[in-house]
Amino acid sequence: VVNGDCVQCPFHAWQFNAEGTCIGVGGHPDVIPPKSSGIQSYEVLEANGLIYVHYDAELRDPSWKPPVFDEIASGKWYLGAWSGHEVLTHCAEIPENGSDTAHLDVLHKEFI
């Protein structure tokens, strides 16, 4: 989830800045995140109504960028597709997820 200038984990509300540094730990404003809690940051490009993320296992810069289509930017063309996904899971994963109480107030607040 984008929260201001940060990316926020939708499960636990940990917040990471553009450099990948963890700057907040969910509902615990007094907790100072350890330096080891940072994540790798990646180059991103917003174009054609999408967000492209460049990943390279050797951390090389991108060798190309996707073309930008004026028809999409102007709204003449738009994405009209929809897809659905069936997720198969074992029934044990449901209570395992429920025991992770740190995410309940973040993700399920309206239900608890």
C-alpha atoms as a PDB file:
ATOM      1  CA  VAL A   1       0.000   0.000   0.000  1.00  0.00           C
ATOM      2  CA  VAL A   2       1.345   3.472  -0.804  1.00  0.00           C
ATOM      3  CA  ASN A   3       1.232   5.677   2.301  1.00  0.00           C
ATOM      4  CA  GLY A   4       2.633   9.143   1.634  1.00  0.00           C
ATOM      5  CA  ASP A   5       6.200   8.688   0.378  1.00  0.00           C
ATOM      6  CA  CYS A   6       6.399   5.134   1.723  1.00  0.00           C
ATOM      7  CA  VAL A   7       5.340   1.618   0.863  1.00  0.00           C
ATOM      8  CA  GLN A   8       3.419   0.040   3.717  1.00  0.00           C
ATOM      9  CA  CYS A   9       2.958  -3.681   4.334  1.00  0.00           C
ATOM     10  CA  PRO A  10      -0.793  -4.363   4.092  1.00  0.00           C
ATOM     11  CA  PHE A  11      -0.572  -7.045   6.820  1.00  0.00           C
ATOM     12  CA  HIS A  12       1.499  -5.428   9.570  1.00  0.00           C
ATOM     13  CA  ALA A  13       1.693  -1.759   8.482  1.00  0.00           C
ATOM     14  CA  TRP A  14       5.501  -1.642   8.530  1.00  0.00           C
ATOM     15  CA  GLN A  15       6.555   1.368   6.439  1.00  0.00           C
ATOM     16  CA  PHE A  16       9.558   1.520   4.107  1.00  0.00           C
ATOM     17  CA  ASN A  17      10.948   4.617   2.396  1.00  0.00           C
ATOM     18  CA  ALA A  18      12.301   4.807  -1.181  1.00  0.00           C
ATOM     19  CA  GLU A  19      15.730   3.592  -0.053  1.00  0.00           C
ATOM     20  CA  GLY A  20      14.202   0.483   1.563  1.00  0.00           C
ATOM     21  CA  THR A  21      14.728   1.654   5.141  1.00  0.00           C
ATOM     22  CA  CYS A  22      12.037   0.613   7.606  1.00  0.00           C
ATOM     23  CA  ILE A  23      10.814   3.835   9.222  1.00  0.00           C
ATOM     24  CA  GLY A  24       7.784   2.585  11.151  1.00  0.00           C
ATOM     25  CA  VAL A  25       6.422  -0.567  12.768  1.00  0.00           C
ATOM     26  CA  GLY A  26       2.649  -0.651  12.337  1.00  0.00           C
ATOM     27  CA  GLY A  27       0.669   0.277  15.404  1.00  0.00           C
ATOM     28  CA  HIS A  28       3.791   0.691  17.552  1.00  0.00           C
ATOM     29  CA  PRO A  29       4.945   4.321  17.094  1.00  0.00           C
ATOM     30  CA  ASP A  30       7.442   4.024  19.974  1.00  0.00           C
ATOM     31  CA  VAL A  31       9.323   1.106  18.389  1.00  0.00           C
ATOM     32  CA  ILE A  32      12.510   2.022  16.533  1.00  0.00           C
ATOM     33  CA  PRO A  33      12.926  -0.486  13.693  1.00  0.00           C
ATOM     34  CA  PRO A  34      16.252  -2.349  13.664  1.00  0.00           C
ATOM     35  CA  LYS A  35      18.538  -1.588  10.720  1.00  0.00           C
ATOM     36  CA  SER A  36      18.278  -5.234   9.659  1.00  0.00           C
ATOM     37  CA  SER A  37      14.554  -4.720   8.939  1.00  0.00           C
ATOM     38  CA  GLY A  38      15.249  -2.822   5.703  1.00  0.00           C
ATOM     39  CA  ILE A  39      14.376  -4.187   2.275  1.00  0.00           C
ATOM     40  CA  GLN A  40      15.958  -3.967  -1.178  1.00  0.00           C
ATOM     41  CA  SER A  41      14.672  -1.030  -3.221  1.00  0.00           C
ATOM     42  CA  TYR A  42      14.143  -1.277  -6.977  1.00  0.00           C
ATOM     43  CA  GLU A  43      13.872   1.169  -9.841  1.00  0.00           C
ATOM     44  CA  VAL A  44      10.263   1.748 -10.851  1.00  0.00           C
ATOM     45  CA  LEU A  45       8.626   3.459 -13.808  1.00  0.00           C
ATOM     46  CA  GLU A  46       5.009   4.549 -14.046  1.00  0.00           C
ATOM     47  CA  ALA A  47       3.818   4.437 -17.650  1.00  0.00           C
ATOM     48  CA  ASN A  48       0.769   3.358 -19.618  1.00  0.00           C
ATOM     49  CA  GLY A  49      -1.347   3.194 -16.473  1.00  0.00           C
ATOM     50  CA  LEU A  50       0.965   0.584 -14.971  1.00  0.00           C
ATOM     51  CA  ILE A  51       3.875   0.522 -12.557  1.00  0.00           C
ATOM     52  CA  TYR A  52       6.895  -1.336 -13.891  1.00  0.00           C
ATOM     53  CA  VAL A  53       9.463  -2.659 -11.412  1.00  0.00           C
ATOM     54  CA  HIS A  54      12.960  -3.504 -12.621  1.00  0.00           C
ATOM     55  CA  TYR A  55      14.552  -6.522 -10.953  1.00  0.00           C
ATOM     56  CA  ASP A  56      17.982  -7.878 -11.759  1.00  0.00           C
ATOM     57  CA  ALA A  57      19.635 -10.584  -9.654  1.00  0.00           C
ATOM     58  CA  GLU A  58      23.002  -8.848 -10.171  1.00  0.00           C
ATOM     59  CA  LEU A  59      21.566  -5.368  -9.433  1.00  0.00           C
ATOM     60  CA  ARG A  60      22.321  -4.071 -12.941  1.00  0.00           C
ATOM     61  CA  ASP A  61      20.504  -0.999 -14.259  1.00  0.00           C
ATOM     62  CA  PRO A  62      17.739  -1.593 -16.831  1.00  0.00           C
ATOM     63  CA  SER A  63      18.938  -1.985 -20.405  1.00  0.00           C
ATOM     64  CA  TRP A  64      15.605  -0.769 -21.852  1.00  0.00           C
ATOM     65  CA  LYS A  65      12.348   0.912 -20.874  1.00  0.00           C
ATOM     66  CA  PRO A  66       8.850   0.049 -22.063  1.00  0.00           C
ATOM     67  CA  PRO A  67       7.398   2.321 -24.733  1.00  0.00           C
ATOM     68  CA  VAL A  68       4.916   4.986 -23.630  1.00  0.00           C
ATOM     69  CA  PHE A  69       1.719   5.067 -25.656  1.00  0.00           C
ATOM     70  CA  ASP A  70       0.092   8.491 -26.050  1.00  0.00           C
ATOM     71  CA  GLU A  71      -3.281   6.800 -26.580  1.00  0.00           C
ATOM     72  CA  ILE A  72      -3.142   5.355 -23.058  1.00  0.00           C
ATOM     73  CA  ALA A  73      -1.896   8.585 -21.471  1.00  0.00           C
ATOM     74  CA  SER A  74      -4.724  10.541 -23.139  1.00  0.00           C
ATOM     75  CA  GLY A  75      -7.381   8.023 -22.070  1.00  0.00           C
ATOM     76  CA  LYS A  76      -8.239   7.073 -25.669  1.00  0.00           C
ATOM     77  CA  TRP A  77      -7.176   3.512 -24.856  1.00  0.00           C
ATOM     78  CA  TYR A  78      -7.851   1.905 -21.496  1.00  0.00           C
ATOM     79  CA  LEU A  79      -7.524  -1.455 -19.788  1.00  0.00           C
ATOM     80  CA  GLY A  80     -10.871  -3.177 -19.895  1.00  0.00           C
ATOM     81  CA  ALA A  81      -9.767  -6.640 -18.806  1.00  0.00           C
ATOM     82  CA  TRP A  82     -10.571  -8.544 -15.653  1.00  0.00           C
ATOM     83  CA  SER A  83      -9.117 -11.716 -14.251  1.00  0.00           C
ATOM     84  CA  GLY A  84      -9.915 -13.883 -11.273  1.00  0.00           C
ATOM     85  CA  HIS A  85      -7.775 -16.326  -9.359  1.00  0.00           C
ATOM     86  CA  GLU A  86      -8.698 -19.340  -7.299  1.00  0.00           C
ATOM     87  CA  VAL A  87      -6.232 -19.804  -4.480  1.00  0.00           C
ATOM     88  CA  LEU A  88      -5.881 -23.306  -3.177  1.00  0.00           C
ATOM     89  CA  THR A  89      -4.830 -23.529   0.432  1.00  0.00           C
ATOM     90  CA  HIS A  90      -4.683 -26.051   3.217  1.00  0.00           C
ATOM     91  CA  CYS A  91      -7.217 -25.533   5.973  1.00  0.00           C
ATOM     92  CA  ALA A  92      -4.368 -25.301   8.521  1.00  0.00           C
ATOM     93  CA  GLU A  93      -3.254 -22.018   6.946  1.00  0.00           C
ATOM     94  CA  ILE A  94      -6.418 -20.284   8.138  1.00  0.00           C
ATOM     95  CA  PRO A  95      -5.726 -20.665  11.888  1.00  0.00           C
ATOM     96  CA  GLU A  96      -2.011 -20.061  11.296  1.00  0.00           C
ATOM     97  CA  ASN A  97      -2.908 -16.711   9.754  1.00  0.00           C
ATOM     98  CA  GLY A  98      -5.258 -15.980  12.654  1.00  0.00           C
ATOM     99  CA  SER A  99      -2.521 -16.553  15.218  1.00  0.00           C
ATOM    100  CA  ASP A 100      -0.493 -13.767  13.604  1.00  0.00           C
ATOM    101  CA  THR A 101      -2.265 -11.178  15.738  1.00  0.00           C
ATOM    102  CA  ALA A 102       0.079  -8.350  14.713  1.00  0.00           C
ATOM    103  CA  HIS A 103      -1.691  -8.070  11.356  1.00  0.00           C
ATOM    104  CA  LEU A 104      -5.289  -8.240  12.631  1.00  0.00           C
ATOM    105  CA  ASP A 105      -5.680  -4.556  13.492  1.00  0.00           C
ATOM    106  CA  VAL A 106      -4.118  -3.551  10.172  1.00  0.00           C
ATOM    107  CA  LEU A 107      -5.850  -5.858   7.734  1.00  0.00           C
ATOM    108  CA  HIS A 108      -9.048  -6.908   9.511  1.00  0.00           C
ATOM    109  CA  LYS A 109      -9.837  -3.854  11.650  1.00  0.00           C
ATOM    110  CA  GLU A 110     -13.347  -3.429  10.291  1.00  0.00           C
ATOM    111  CA  PHE A 111     -14.197  -7.017  11.237  1.00  0.00           C
ATOM    112  CA  ILE A 112     -12.822  -7.133  14.803  1.00  0.00           C
END
